[in-house]
Structure formats: C-alpha cells, structure tokens
C-alpha atoms as a PDB file:
ATOM      1  CA  MET A   1       0.040  -0.040   0.003  1.00  0.00           C
ATOM      2  CA  GLY A   2       2.863   2.295   0.835  1.00  0.00           C
ATOM      3  CA  ALA A   3       4.239   1.893  -2.847  1.00  0.00           C
ATOM      4  CA  VAL A   4       0.864   2.993  -4.343  1.00  0.00           C
ATOM      5  CA  VAL A   5       0.670   6.201  -2.103  1.00  0.00           C
ATOM      6  CA  ALA A   6       4.346   7.061  -2.986  1.00  0.00           C
ATOM      7  CA  ALA A   7       3.768   6.589  -6.756  1.00  0.00           C
ATOM      8  CA  VAL A   8       0.494   8.673  -6.549  1.00  0.00           C
ATOM      9  CA  ILE A   9       2.355  11.395  -4.677  1.00  0.00           C
ATOM     10  CA  ALA A  10       5.171  11.383  -7.271  1.00  0.00           C
ATOM     11  CA  ILE A  11       2.870  11.677 -10.220  1.00  0.00           C
ATOM     12  CA  ALA A  12       0.893  14.407  -8.469  1.00  0.00           C
ATOM     13  CA  ALA A  13       4.280  16.226  -7.905  1.00  0.00           C
ATOM     14  CA  VAL A  14       5.194  15.851 -11.683  1.00  0.00           C
ATOM     15  CA  VAL A  15       1.681  17.143 -12.882  1.00  0.00           C
ATOM     16  CA  LEU A  16       1.897  20.105 -10.663  1.00  0.00           C
ATOM     17  CA  GLY A  17       5.552  20.833 -11.642  1.00  0.00           C
ATOM     18  CA  TRP A  18       4.503  20.529 -15.349  1.00  0.00           C
ATOM     19  CA  ILE A  19       1.588  22.946 -14.742  1.00  0.00           C
ATOM     20  CA  THR A  20       3.833  25.404 -12.821  1.00  0.00           C
ATOM     21  CA  ILE A  21       6.347  25.529 -15.775  1.00  0.00           C
ATOM     22  CA  GLU A  22       3.572  25.983 -18.267  1.00  0.00           C
ATOM     23  CA  MET A  23       2.325  28.840 -16.428  1.00  0.00           C
ATOM     24  CA  ALA A  24       5.759  30.521 -15.795  1.00  0.00           C
ATOM     25  CA  CYS A  25       7.043  30.198 -19.296  1.00  0.00           C
ATOM     26  CA  LYS A  26       3.689  30.453 -21.082  1.00  0.00           C
ATOM     27  CA  PRO A  27       4.811  33.424 -23.613  1.00  0.00           C
ATOM     28  CA  CYS A  28       8.091  31.672 -24.484  1.00  0.00           C
ATOM     29  CA  LEU A  29       6.299  28.240 -24.957  1.00  0.00           C
ATOM     30  CA  GLU A  30       3.678  29.799 -27.081  1.00  0.00           C
ATOM     31  CA  THR A  31       5.947  31.392 -29.522  1.00  0.00           C
ATOM     32  CA  GLY A  32       8.136  28.458 -29.721  1.00  0.00           C
ATOM     33  CA  ARG A  33       5.132  26.120 -30.500  1.00  0.00           C
ATOM     34  CA  ARG A  34       3.977  28.671 -33.134  1.00  0.00           C
ATOM     35  CA  ALA A  35       7.357  28.469 -34.672  1.00  0.00           C
ATOM     36  CA  MET A  36       7.282  24.732 -34.728  1.00  0.00           C
ATOM     37  CA  ASP A  37       3.798  24.528 -36.221  1.00  0.00           C
ATOM     38  CA  ARG A  38       4.991  26.988 -38.762  1.00  0.00           C
ATOM     39  CA  ALA A  39       8.025  24.977 -39.565  1.00  0.00           C
ATOM     40  CA  LEU A  40       6.128  21.706 -39.733  1.00  0.00           C
ATOM     41  CA  ASP A  41       3.558  23.173 -42.032  1.00  0.00           C
ATOM     42  CA  PRO A  42       4.144  21.936 -45.611  1.00  0.00           C
ATOM     43  CA  ASN A  43       2.010  24.726 -47.077  1.00  0.00           C
ATOM     44  CA  TYR A  44       3.984  27.620 -45.334  1.00  0.00           C
ATOM     45  CA  ASP A  45       6.464  29.450 -47.553  1.00  0.00           C
ATOM     46  CA  PRO A  46       8.862  31.735 -45.673  1.00  0.00           C
ATOM     47  CA  ASP A  47       9.672  33.618 -48.845  1.00  0.00           C
ATOM     48  CA  SER A  48       6.125  34.355 -49.849  1.00  0.00           C
ATOM     49  CA  PRO A  49       5.199  38.224 -49.530  1.00  0.00           C
ATOM     50  CA  THR A  50       1.821  37.236 -48.030  1.00  0.00           C
ATOM     51  CA  ASN A  51       3.489  35.878 -44.989  1.00  0.00           C
ATOM     52  CA  ALA A  52       5.407  38.940 -44.205  1.00  0.00           C
ATOM     53  CA  THR A  53       3.557  39.776 -41.055  1.00  0.00           C
ATOM     54  CA  THR A  54       4.533  40.171 -37.306  1.00  0.00           C
ATOM     55  CA  THR A  55       2.939  38.573 -34.347  1.00  0.00           C
ATOM     56  CA  ASN A  56       0.726  41.446 -33.761  1.00  0.00           C
ATOM     57  CA  GLY A  57      -0.536  41.046 -37.397  1.00  0.00           C
ATOM     58  CA  ALA A  58       1.211  44.312 -38.764  1.00  0.00           C
ATOM     59  CA  SER A  59       3.136  44.060 -42.038  1.00  0.00           C
ATOM     60  CA  THR A  60       6.883  43.879 -41.931  1.00  0.00           C
ATOM     61  CA  THR A  61       7.258  46.078 -44.968  1.00  0.00           C
ATOM     62  CA  GLU A  62       5.243  49.027 -43.343  1.00  0.00           C
ATOM     63  CA  PRO A  63       7.541  51.665 -41.526  1.00  0.00           C
ATOM     64  CA  LEU A  64       7.518  51.317 -37.714  1.00  0.00           C
ATOM     65  CA  LEU A  65       6.861  55.108 -37.392  1.00  0.00           C
ATOM     66  CA  GLY A  66       4.020  56.770 -39.522  1.00  0.00           C
ATOM     67  CA  ASP A  67       4.299  60.328 -40.865  1.00  0.00           C
ATOM     68  CA  LEU A  68       4.977  62.240 -37.523  1.00  0.00           C
ATOM     69  CA  SER A  69       4.425  65.789 -39.162  1.00  0.00           C
ATOM     70  CA  ALA A  70       0.772  65.138 -39.529  1.00  0.00           C
ATOM     71  CA  SER A  71      -0.006  64.529 -35.744  1.00  0.00           C
ATOM     72  CA  THR A  72      -3.483  65.381 -34.448  1.00  0.00           C
ATOM     73  CA  ALA A  73      -2.306  65.690 -30.979  1.00  0.00           C
ATOM     74  CA  PRO A  74      -2.317  69.401 -29.566  1.00  0.00           C
ATOM     75  CA  PRO A  75       1.203  70.770 -28.605  1.00  0.00           C
ATOM     76  CA  ALA A  76       2.290  70.186 -25.194  1.00  0.00           C
ATOM     77  CA  LYS A  77       1.933  73.145 -22.541  1.00  0.00           C
ATOM     78  CA  ALA A  78       5.013  74.364 -20.815  1.00  0.00           C
ATOM     79  CA  ILE A  79       4.922  74.336 -16.985  1.00  0.00           C
END
C-alpha cells in the first residue's frame, strides 16, 4: 500500500511541476510552439510576401513610425 501512495504522490508532483512550468513560461512556450507549427506546415512558404507579418498582424514592410508631421495631438503646454 505504501508503494501505491508514493507513486500517486510522485505523479501528482510531476503534474503540478508541469503545470507550474507551463504557467511560468507561457509566452516563450507559445512562440516556440507557433514557430514549430509553422516550420512543420508543408504549405508555409517563408519567402512568400503574403506571409510577411509580425506576431501582432502588422506588415513587416510598413514603416515602424508613421508620418509624424501630420500629428493630430495638440502641442504640450509648458509648465
């Protein structure tokens, strides 16, 4: 009976450890899994211009900063 209890405790510890690592490293694991899914997808072409997007959906060919001269924000007041 003692061996069964020890085995159940060990399995529970492994499961809780796995859940802890999944929660702590979630952003890294998600990007890694997306990269593996993309790498293993036979229909994915990294050289295709239609696939040139970042993780937030923005195109990699558009500039990072837009036209700053056409800003609609009012000028800041001096203190």
